[in-house]
Amino acid sequence: TEDMADIMPKGFNNTIRWNIGHILIVQDQLASNFVGLPQ
């Protein structure tokens, strides 16, 4: 849920929303930096 997405429980460095966005970013950066596709 949107409410859960930004909670950072003790012992974690980031939130659920950050992890989802990070998956997207890394995939996009690998495609642009190593394959040459536009971001």
ModelCIF file with pLDDT and N, C-alpha, C, O atoms, coordinates in Angstrom:
data_MODEL
#
_entry.id   MODEL 
#
_entity.id                         1 
_entity.type                       polymer 
_entity.pdbx_number_of_molecules   1 
#
_entity_poly.entity_id                      1 
_entity_poly.type                           'polypeptide(L)' 
_entity_poly.nstd_linkage                   no 
_entity_poly.nstd_monomer                   no 
_entity_poly.pdbx_seq_one_letter_code       TEDMADIMPKGFNNTIRWNIGHILIVQDQLASNFVGLPQ 
_entity_poly.pdbx_seq_one_letter_code_can   TEDMADIMPKGFNNTIRWNIGHILIVQDQLASNFVGLPQ 
_entity_poly.pdbx_strand_id                 A 
#
loop_
_entity_poly_seq.entity_id 
_entity_poly_seq.num 
_entity_poly_seq.mon_id 
_entity_poly_seq.hetero 
1 1  THR n 
1 2  GLU n 
1 3  ASP n 
1 4  MET n 
1 5  ALA n 
1 6  ASP n 
1 7  ILE n 
1 8  MET n 
1 9  PRO n 
1 10 LYS n 
1 11 GLY n 
1 12 PHE n 
1 13 ASN n 
1 14 ASN n 
1 15 THR n 
1 16 ILE n 
1 17 ARG n 
1 18 TRP n 
1 19 ASN n 
1 20 ILE n 
1 21 GLY n 
1 22 HIS n 
1 23 ILE n 
1 24 LEU n 
1 25 ILE n 
1 26 VAL n 
1 27 GLN n 
1 28 ASP n 
1 29 GLN n 
1 30 LEU n 
1 31 ALA n 
1 32 SER n 
1 33 ASN n 
1 34 PHE n 
1 35 VAL n 
1 36 GLY n 
1 37 LEU n 
1 38 PRO n 
1 39 GLN n 
#
_struct_asym.id          A 
_struct_asym.entity_id   1 
#
loop_
_ma_qa_metric.id 
_ma_qa_metric.mode 
_ma_qa_metric.name 
_ma_qa_metric.software_group_id 
_ma_qa_metric.type 
1 global pLDDT . pLDDT 
2 local  pLDDT . pLDDT 
#
_ma_qa_metric_global.metric_id      1 
_ma_qa_metric_global.metric_value   95.15 
_ma_qa_metric_global.model_id       1 
_ma_qa_metric_global.ordinal_id     1 
#
loop_
_ma_qa_metric_local.label_asym_id 
_ma_qa_metric_local.label_comp_id 
_ma_qa_metric_local.label_seq_id 
_ma_qa_metric_local.metric_id 
_ma_qa_metric_local.metric_value 
_ma_qa_metric_local.model_id 
_ma_qa_metric_local.ordinal_id 
A THR 1  2 95.00 1 1  
A GLU 2  2 95.00 1 2  
A ASP 3  2 93.00 1 3  
A MET 4  2 96.00 1 4  
A ALA 5  2 97.00 1 5  
A ASP 6  2 96.00 1 6  
A ILE 7  2 97.00 1 7  
A MET 8  2 96.00 1 8  
A PRO 9  2 96.00 1 9  
A LYS 10 2 94.00 1 10 
A GLY 11 2 93.00 1 11 
A PHE 12 2 95.00 1 12 
A ASN 13 2 92.00 1 13 
A ASN 14 2 96.00 1 14 
A THR 15 2 98.00 1 15 
A ILE 16 2 98.00 1 16 
A ARG 17 2 98.00 1 17 
A TRP 18 2 98.00 1 18 
A ASN 19 2 98.00 1 19 
A ILE 20 2 98.00 1 20 
A GLY 21 2 98.00 1 21 
A HIS 22 2 98.00 1 22 
A ILE 23 2 98.00 1 23 
A LEU 24 2 97.00 1 24 
A ILE 25 2 97.00 1 25 
A VAL 26 2 95.00 1 26 
A GLN 27 2 94.00 1 27 
A ASP 28 2 95.00 1 28 
A GLN 29 2 94.00 1 29 
A LEU 30 2 93.00 1 30 
A ALA 31 2 91.00 1 31 
A SER 32 2 92.00 1 32 
A ASN 33 2 93.00 1 33 
A PHE 34 2 94.00 1 34 
A VAL 35 2 92.00 1 35 
A GLY 36 2 92.00 1 36 
A LEU 37 2 93.00 1 37 
A PRO 38 2 93.00 1 38 
A GLN 39 2 93.00 1 39 
#
loop_
_atom_site.group_PDB 
_atom_site.id 
_atom_site.type_symbol 
_atom_site.label_atom_id 
_atom_site.label_alt_id 
_atom_site.label_comp_id 
_atom_site.label_asym_id 
_atom_site.label_entity_id 
_atom_site.label_seq_id 
_atom_site.pdbx_PDB_ins_code 
_atom_site.Cartn_x 
_atom_site.Cartn_y 
_atom_site.Cartn_z 
_atom_site.occupancy 
_atom_site.B_iso_or_equiv 
_atom_site.pdbx_formal_charge 
_atom_site.auth_seq_id 
_atom_site.auth_comp_id 
_atom_site.auth_asym_id 
_atom_site.auth_atom_id 
_atom_site.pdbx_PDB_model_num 
ATOM 1   N N  . THR A 1 1  ? 0.855  -1.194 0.000   1.00 95.00 ? 1  THR A N  1 
ATOM 2   C CA . THR A 1 1  ? 0.000  0.000  0.000   1.00 95.00 ? 1  THR A CA 1 
ATOM 3   C C  . THR A 1 1  ? 0.892  1.245  0.000   1.00 95.00 ? 1  THR A C  1 
ATOM 4   O O  . THR A 1 1  ? 2.068  1.190  0.361   1.00 95.00 ? 1  THR A O  1 
ATOM 5   N N  . GLU A 1 2  ? 0.305  2.353  -0.410  1.00 95.00 ? 2  GLU A N  1 
ATOM 6   C CA . GLU A 1 2  ? 1.054  3.623  -0.386  1.00 95.00 ? 2  GLU A CA 1 
ATOM 7   C C  . GLU A 1 2  ? 1.564  3.921  1.022   1.00 95.00 ? 2  GLU A C  1 
ATOM 8   O O  . GLU A 1 2  ? 2.669  4.439  1.186   1.00 95.00 ? 2  GLU A O  1 
ATOM 9   N N  . ASP A 1 3  ? 0.767  3.598  2.035   1.00 93.00 ? 3  ASP A N  1 
ATOM 10  C CA . ASP A 1 3  ? 1.189  3.844  3.417   1.00 93.00 ? 3  ASP A CA 1 
ATOM 11  C C  . ASP A 1 3  ? 2.437  3.039  3.774   1.00 93.00 ? 3  ASP A C  1 
ATOM 12  O O  . ASP A 1 3  ? 3.325  3.536  4.467   1.00 93.00 ? 3  ASP A O  1 
ATOM 13  N N  . MET A 1 4  ? 2.501  1.802  3.303   1.00 96.00 ? 4  MET A N  1 
ATOM 14  C CA . MET A 1 4  ? 3.650  0.935  3.611   1.00 96.00 ? 4  MET A CA 1 
ATOM 15  C C  . MET A 1 4  ? 4.907  1.354  2.849   1.00 96.00 ? 4  MET A C  1 
ATOM 16  O O  . MET A 1 4  ? 6.023  1.127  3.318   1.00 96.00 ? 4  MET A O  1 
ATOM 17  N N  . ALA A 1 5  ? 4.733  1.954  1.695   1.00 97.00 ? 5  ALA A N  1 
ATOM 18  C CA . ALA A 1 5  ? 5.840  2.175  0.758   1.00 97.00 ? 5  ALA A CA 1 
ATOM 19  C C  . ALA A 1 5  ? 6.967  3.023  1.322   1.00 97.00 ? 5  ALA A C  1 
ATOM 20  O O  . ALA A 1 5  ? 8.110  2.903  0.879   1.00 97.00 ? 5  ALA A O  1 
ATOM 21  N N  . ASP A 1 6  ? 6.664  3.883  2.297   1.00 96.00 ? 6  ASP A N  1 
ATOM 22  C CA . ASP A 1 6  ? 7.682  4.816  2.794   1.00 96.00 ? 6  ASP A CA 1 
ATOM 23  C C  . ASP A 1 6  ? 8.091  4.567  4.247   1.00 96.00 ? 6  ASP A C  1 
ATOM 24  O O  . ASP A 1 6  ? 8.781  5.391  4.848   1.00 96.00 ? 6  ASP A O  1 
ATOM 25  N N  . ILE A 1 7  ? 7.673  3.450  4.801   1.00 97.00 ? 7  ILE A N  1 
ATOM 26  C CA . ILE A 1 7  ? 8.102  3.094  6.155   1.00 97.00 ? 7  ILE A CA 1 
ATOM 27  C C  . ILE A 1 7  ? 9.476  2.433  6.072   1.00 97.00 ? 7  ILE A C  1 
ATOM 28  O O  . ILE A 1 7  ? 9.710  1.568  5.228   1.00 97.00 ? 7  ILE A O  1 
ATOM 29  N N  . MET A 1 8  ? 10.375 2.848  6.956   1.00 96.00 ? 8  MET A N  1 
ATOM 30  C CA . MET A 1 8  ? 11.706 2.239  7.013   1.00 96.00 ? 8  MET A CA 1 
ATOM 31  C C  . MET A 1 8  ? 11.860 1.581  8.381   1.00 96.00 ? 8  MET A C  1 
ATOM 32  O O  . MET A 1 8  ? 12.221 2.242  9.355   1.00 96.00 ? 8  MET A O  1 
ATOM 33  N N  . PRO A 1 9  ? 11.585 0.271  8.452   1.00 96.00 ? 9  PRO A N  1 
ATOM 34  C CA . PRO A 1 9  ? 11.708 -0.411 9.739   1.00 96.00 ? 9  PRO A CA 1 
ATOM 35  C C  . PRO A 1 9  ? 13.159 -0.413 10.242  1.00 96.00 ? 9  PRO A C  1 
ATOM 36  O O  . PRO A 1 9  ? 14.107 -0.300 9.465   1.00 96.00 ? 9  PRO A O  1 
ATOM 37  N N  . LYS A 1 10 ? 13.292 -0.541 11.527  1.00 94.00 ? 10 LYS A N  1 
ATOM 38  C CA . LYS A 1 10 ? 14.622 -0.641 12.133  1.00 94.00 ? 10 LYS A CA 1 
ATOM 39  C C  . LYS A 1 10 ? 15.408 -1.775 11.462  1.00 94.00 ? 10 LYS A C  1 
ATOM 40  O O  . LYS A 1 10 ? 14.877 -2.859 11.219  1.00 94.00 ? 10 LYS A O  1 
ATOM 41  N N  . GLY A 1 11 ? 16.661 -1.504 11.174  1.00 93.00 ? 11 GLY A N  1 
ATOM 42  C CA . GLY A 1 11 ? 17.523 -2.506 10.548  1.00 93.00 ? 11 GLY A CA 1 
ATOM 43  C C  . GLY A 1 11 ? 17.586 -2.418 9.031   1.00 93.00 ? 11 GLY A C  1 
ATOM 44  O O  . GLY A 1 11 ? 18.359 -3.140 8.400   1.00 93.00 ? 11 GLY A O  1 
ATOM 45  N N  . PHE A 1 12 ? 16.777 -1.536 8.437   1.00 95.00 ? 12 PHE A N  1 
ATOM 46  C CA . PHE A 1 12 ? 16.782 -1.367 6.982   1.00 95.00 ? 12 PHE A CA 1 
ATOM 47  C C  . PHE A 1 12 ? 17.314 0.016  6.629   1.00 95.00 ? 12 PHE A C  1 
ATOM 48  O O  . PHE A 1 12 ? 17.122 0.978  7.373   1.00 95.00 ? 12 PHE A O  1 
ATOM 49  N N  . ASN A 1 13 ? 17.990 0.101  5.478   1.00 92.00 ? 13 ASN A N  1 
ATOM 50  C CA . ASN A 1 13 ? 18.587 1.370  5.044   1.00 92.00 ? 13 ASN A CA 1 
ATOM 51  C C  . ASN A 1 13 ? 17.681 2.189  4.148   1.00 92.00 ? 13 ASN A C  1 
ATOM 52  O O  . ASN A 1 13 ? 17.880 3.393  3.990   1.00 92.00 ? 13 ASN A O  1 
ATOM 53  N N  . ASN A 1 14 ? 16.674 1.534  3.554   1.00 96.00 ? 14 ASN A N  1 
ATOM 54  C CA . ASN A 1 14 ? 15.799 2.218  2.619   1.00 96.00 ? 14 ASN A CA 1 
ATOM 55  C C  . ASN A 1 14 ? 14.383 1.679  2.755   1.00 96.00 ? 14 ASN A C  1 
ATOM 56  O O  . ASN A 1 14 ? 14.112 0.790  3.562   1.00 96.00 ? 14 ASN A O  1 
ATOM 57  N N  . THR A 1 15 ? 13.493 2.233  1.953   1.00 98.00 ? 15 THR A N  1 
ATOM 58  C CA . THR A 1 15 ? 12.082 1.881  2.002   1.00 98.00 ? 15 THR A CA 1 
ATOM 59  C C  . THR A 1 15 ? 11.702 0.980  0.823   1.00 98.00 ? 15 THR A C  1 
ATOM 60  O O  . THR A 1 15 ? 12.507 0.736  -0.076  1.00 98.00 ? 15 THR A O  1 
ATOM 61  N N  . ILE A 1 16 ? 10.482 0.502  0.848   1.00 98.00 ? 16 ILE A N  1 
ATOM 62  C CA . ILE A 1 16 ? 9.979  -0.285 -0.275  1.00 98.00 ? 16 ILE A CA 1 
ATOM 63  C C  . ILE A 1 16 ? 9.967  0.562  -1.546  1.00 98.00 ? 16 ILE A C  1 
ATOM 64  O O  . ILE A 1 16 ? 10.405 0.105  -2.602  1.00 98.00 ? 16 ILE A O  1 
ATOM 65  N N  . ARG A 1 17 ? 9.467  1.793  -1.447  1.00 98.00 ? 17 ARG A N  1 
ATOM 66  C CA . ARG A 1 17 ? 9.406  2.651  -2.637  1.00 98.00 ? 17 ARG A CA 1 
ATOM 67  C C  . ARG A 1 17 ? 10.807 2.851  -3.225  1.00 98.00 ? 17 ARG A C  1 
ATOM 68  O O  . ARG A 1 17 ? 10.981 2.804  -4.443  1.00 98.00 ? 17 ARG A O  1 
ATOM 69  N N  . TRP A 1 18 ? 11.803 3.073  -2.363  1.00 98.00 ? 18 TRP A N  1 
ATOM 70  C CA . TRP A 1 18 ? 13.162 3.256  -2.862  1.00 98.00 ? 18 TRP A CA 1 
ATOM 71  C C  . TRP A 1 18 ? 13.647 1.995  -3.586  1.00 98.00 ? 18 TRP A C  1 
ATOM 72  O O  . TRP A 1 18 ? 14.244 2.097  -4.657  1.00 98.00 ? 18 TRP A O  1 
ATOM 73  N N  . ASN A 1 19 ? 13.405 0.834  -3.030  1.00 98.00 ? 19 ASN A N  1 
ATOM 74  C CA . ASN A 1 19 ? 13.858 -0.415 -3.654  1.00 98.00 ? 19 ASN A CA 1 
ATOM 75  C C  . ASN A 1 19 ? 13.205 -0.636 -5.015  1.00 98.00 ? 19 ASN A C  1 
ATOM 76  O O  . ASN A 1 19 ? 13.864 -1.100 -5.945  1.00 98.00 ? 19 ASN A O  1 
ATOM 77  N N  . ILE A 1 20 ? 11.928 -0.312 -5.142  1.00 98.00 ? 20 ILE A N  1 
ATOM 78  C CA . ILE A 1 20 ? 11.246 -0.451 -6.436  1.00 98.00 ? 20 ILE A CA 1 
ATOM 79  C C  . ILE A 1 20 ? 11.886 0.490  -7.458  1.00 98.00 ? 20 ILE A C  1 
ATOM 80  O O  . ILE A 1 20 ? 12.224 0.082  -8.569  1.00 98.00 ? 20 ILE A O  1 
ATOM 81  N N  . GLY A 1 21 ? 12.045 1.741  -7.068  1.00 98.00 ? 21 GLY A N  1 
ATOM 82  C CA . GLY A 1 21 ? 12.663 2.707  -7.972  1.00 98.00 ? 21 GLY A CA 1 
ATOM 83  C C  . GLY A 1 21 ? 14.088 2.332  -8.328  1.00 98.00 ? 21 GLY A C  1 
ATOM 84  O O  . GLY A 1 21 ? 14.530 2.545  -9.457  1.00 98.00 ? 21 GLY A O  1 
ATOM 85  N N  . HIS A 1 22 ? 14.801 1.779  -7.371  1.00 98.00 ? 22 HIS A N  1 
ATOM 86  C CA . HIS A 1 22 ? 16.189 1.380  -7.607  1.00 98.00 ? 22 HIS A CA 1 
ATOM 87  C C  . HIS A 1 22 ? 16.271 0.249  -8.634  1.00 98.00 ? 22 HIS A C  1 
ATOM 88  O O  . HIS A 1 22 ? 17.164 0.249  -9.482  1.00 98.00 ? 22 HIS A O  1 
ATOM 89  N N  . ILE A 1 23 ? 15.354 -0.708 -8.565  1.00 98.00 ? 23 ILE A N  1 
ATOM 90  C CA . ILE A 1 23 ? 15.304 -1.775 -9.580  1.00 98.00 ? 23 ILE A CA 1 
ATOM 91  C C  . ILE A 1 23 ? 15.180 -1.141 -10.967 1.00 98.00 ? 23 ILE A C  1 
ATOM 92  O O  . ILE A 1 23 ? 15.907 -1.514 -11.888 1.00 98.00 ? 23 ILE A O  1 
ATOM 93  N N  . LEU A 1 24 ? 14.267 -0.192 -11.113 1.00 97.00 ? 24 LEU A N  1 
ATOM 94  C CA . LEU A 1 24 ? 14.064 0.475  -12.397 1.00 97.00 ? 24 LEU A CA 1 
ATOM 95  C C  . LEU A 1 24 ? 15.318 1.200  -12.868 1.00 97.00 ? 24 LEU A C  1 
ATOM 96  O O  . LEU A 1 24 ? 15.732 1.064  -14.020 1.00 97.00 ? 24 LEU A O  1 
ATOM 97  N N  . ILE A 1 25 ? 15.909 1.962  -11.978 1.00 97.00 ? 25 ILE A N  1 
ATOM 98  C CA . ILE A 1 25 ? 17.070 2.770  -12.334 1.00 97.00 ? 25 ILE A CA 1 
ATOM 99  C C  . ILE A 1 25 ? 18.246 1.904  -12.769 1.00 97.00 ? 25 ILE A C  1 
ATOM 100 O O  . ILE A 1 25 ? 18.871 2.182  -13.792 1.00 97.00 ? 25 ILE A O  1 
ATOM 101 N N  . VAL A 1 26 ? 18.551 0.868  -12.012 1.00 95.00 ? 26 VAL A N  1 
ATOM 102 C CA . VAL A 1 26 ? 19.705 0.029  -12.353 1.00 95.00 ? 26 VAL A CA 1 
ATOM 103 C C  . VAL A 1 26 ? 19.502 -0.630 -13.710 1.00 95.00 ? 26 VAL A C  1 
ATOM 104 O O  . VAL A 1 26 ? 20.423 -0.662 -14.525 1.00 95.00 ? 26 VAL A O  1 
ATOM 105 N N  . GLN A 1 27 ? 18.318 -1.150 -13.959 1.00 94.00 ? 27 GLN A N  1 
ATOM 106 C CA . GLN A 1 27 ? 18.038 -1.773 -15.255 1.00 94.00 ? 27 GLN A CA 1 
ATOM 107 C C  . GLN A 1 27 ? 18.216 -0.753 -16.380 1.00 94.00 ? 27 GLN A C  1 
ATOM 108 O O  . GLN A 1 27 ? 18.802 -1.061 -17.418 1.00 94.00 ? 27 GLN A O  1 
ATOM 109 N N  . ASP A 1 28 ? 17.709 0.458  -16.168 1.00 95.00 ? 28 ASP A N  1 
ATOM 110 C CA . ASP A 1 28 ? 17.810 1.523  -17.165 1.00 95.00 ? 28 ASP A CA 1 
ATOM 111 C C  . ASP A 1 28 ? 19.267 1.938  -17.377 1.00 95.00 ? 28 ASP A C  1 
ATOM 112 O O  . ASP A 1 28 ? 19.696 2.136  -18.514 1.00 95.00 ? 28 ASP A O  1 
ATOM 113 N N  . GLN A 1 29 ? 20.017 2.069  -16.300 1.00 94.00 ? 29 GLN A N  1 
ATOM 114 C CA . GLN A 1 29 ? 21.412 2.483  -16.419 1.00 94.00 ? 29 GLN A CA 1 
ATOM 115 C C  . GLN A 1 29 ? 22.278 1.408  -17.077 1.00 94.00 ? 29 GLN A C  1 
ATOM 116 O O  . GLN A 1 29 ? 23.184 1.729  -17.847 1.00 94.00 ? 29 GLN A O  1 
ATOM 117 N N  . LEU A 1 30 ? 22.006 0.141  -16.781 1.00 93.00 ? 30 LEU A N  1 
ATOM 118 C CA . LEU A 1 30 ? 22.756 -0.926 -17.448 1.00 93.00 ? 30 LEU A CA 1 
ATOM 119 C C  . LEU A 1 30 ? 22.508 -0.872 -18.951 1.00 93.00 ? 30 LEU A C  1 
ATOM 120 O O  . LEU A 1 30 ? 23.440 -1.022 -19.740 1.00 93.00 ? 30 LEU A O  1 
ATOM 121 N N  . ALA A 1 31 ? 21.260 -0.660 -19.348 1.00 91.00 ? 31 ALA A N  1 
ATOM 122 C CA . ALA A 1 31 ? 20.927 -0.596 -20.774 1.00 91.00 ? 31 ALA A CA 1 
ATOM 123 C C  . ALA A 1 31 ? 21.578 0.605  -21.450 1.00 91.00 ? 31 ALA A C  1 
ATOM 124 O O  . ALA A 1 31 ? 22.021 0.508  -22.594 1.00 91.00 ? 31 ALA A O  1 
ATOM 125 N N  . SER A 1 32 ? 21.637 1.730  -20.753 1.00 92.00 ? 32 SER A N  1 
ATOM 126 C CA . SER A 1 32 ? 22.232 2.914  -21.386 1.00 92.00 ? 32 SER A CA 1 
ATOM 127 C C  . SER A 1 32 ? 23.762 2.889  -21.318 1.00 92.00 ? 32 SER A C  1 
ATOM 128 O O  . SER A 1 32 ? 24.425 3.182  -22.313 1.00 92.00 ? 32 SER A O  1 
ATOM 129 N N  . ASN A 1 33 ? 24.321 2.548  -20.177 1.00 93.00 ? 33 ASN A N  1 
ATOM 130 C CA . ASN A 1 33 ? 25.779 2.611  -20.007 1.00 93.00 ? 33 ASN A CA 1 
ATOM 131 C C  . ASN A 1 33 ? 26.532 1.492  -20.709 1.00 93.00 ? 33 ASN A C  1 
ATOM 132 O O  . ASN A 1 33 ? 27.668 1.692  -21.139 1.00 93.00 ? 33 ASN A O  1 
ATOM 133 N N  . PHE A 1 34 ? 25.921 0.320  -20.831 1.00 94.00 ? 34 PHE A N  1 
ATOM 134 C CA . PHE A 1 34 ? 26.645 -0.826 -21.377 1.00 94.00 ? 34 PHE A CA 1 
ATOM 135 C C  . PHE A 1 34 ? 26.132 -1.276 -22.738 1.00 94.00 ? 34 PHE A C  1 
ATOM 136 O O  . PHE A 1 34 ? 26.825 -2.003 -23.450 1.00 94.00 ? 34 PHE A O  1 
ATOM 137 N N  . VAL A 1 35 ? 24.924 -0.854 -23.110 1.00 92.00 ? 35 VAL A N  1 
ATOM 138 C CA . VAL A 1 35 ? 24.356 -1.257 -24.395 1.00 92.00 ? 35 VAL A CA 1 
ATOM 139 C C  . VAL A 1 35 ? 24.263 -0.065 -25.343 1.00 92.00 ? 35 VAL A C  1 
ATOM 140 O O  . VAL A 1 35 ? 24.288 -0.234 -26.562 1.00 92.00 ? 35 VAL A O  1 
ATOM 141 N N  . GLY A 1 36 ? 24.155 1.125  -24.787 1.00 92.00 ? 36 GLY A N  1 
ATOM 142 C CA . GLY A 1 36 ? 24.079 2.320  -25.612 1.00 92.00 ? 36 GLY A CA 1 
ATOM 143 C C  . GLY A 1 36 ? 22.669 2.776  -25.921 1.00 92.00 ? 36 GLY A C  1 
ATOM 144 O O  . GLY A 1 36 ? 22.472 3.643  -26.773 1.00 92.00 ? 36 GLY A O  1 
ATOM 145 N N  . LEU A 1 37 ? 21.679 2.206  -25.240 1.00 93.00 ? 37 LEU A N  1 
ATOM 146 C CA . LEU A 1 37 ? 20.298 2.654  -25.435 1.00 93.00 ? 37 LEU A CA 1 
ATOM 147 C C  . LEU A 1 37 ? 20.083 3.974  -24.705 1.00 93.00 ? 37 LEU A C  1 
ATOM 148 O O  . LEU A 1 37 ? 20.742 4.237  -23.699 1.00 93.00 ? 37 LEU A O  1 
ATOM 149 N N  . PRO A 1 38 ? 19.173 4.803  -25.197 1.00 93.00 ? 38 PRO A N  1 
ATOM 150 C CA . PRO A 1 38 ? 18.889 6.052  -24.470 1.00 93.00 ? 38 PRO A CA 1 
ATOM 151 C C  . PRO A 1 38 ? 18.217 5.742  -23.139 1.00 93.00 ? 38 PRO A C  1 
ATOM 152 O O  . PRO A 1 38 ? 17.436 4.797  -23.032 1.00 93.00 ? 38 PRO A O  1 
ATOM 153 N N  . GLN A 1 39 ? 18.530 6.550  -22.123 1.00 93.00 ? 39 GLN A N  1 
ATOM 154 C CA . GLN A 1 39 ? 17.875 6.357  -20.832 1.00 93.00 ? 39 GLN A CA 1 
ATOM 155 C C  . GLN A 1 39 ? 16.383 6.590  -20.999 1.00 93.00 ? 39 GLN A C  1 
ATOM 156 O O  . GLN A 1 39 ? 15.628 6.481  -20.033 1.00 93.00 ? 39 GLN A O  1 
#
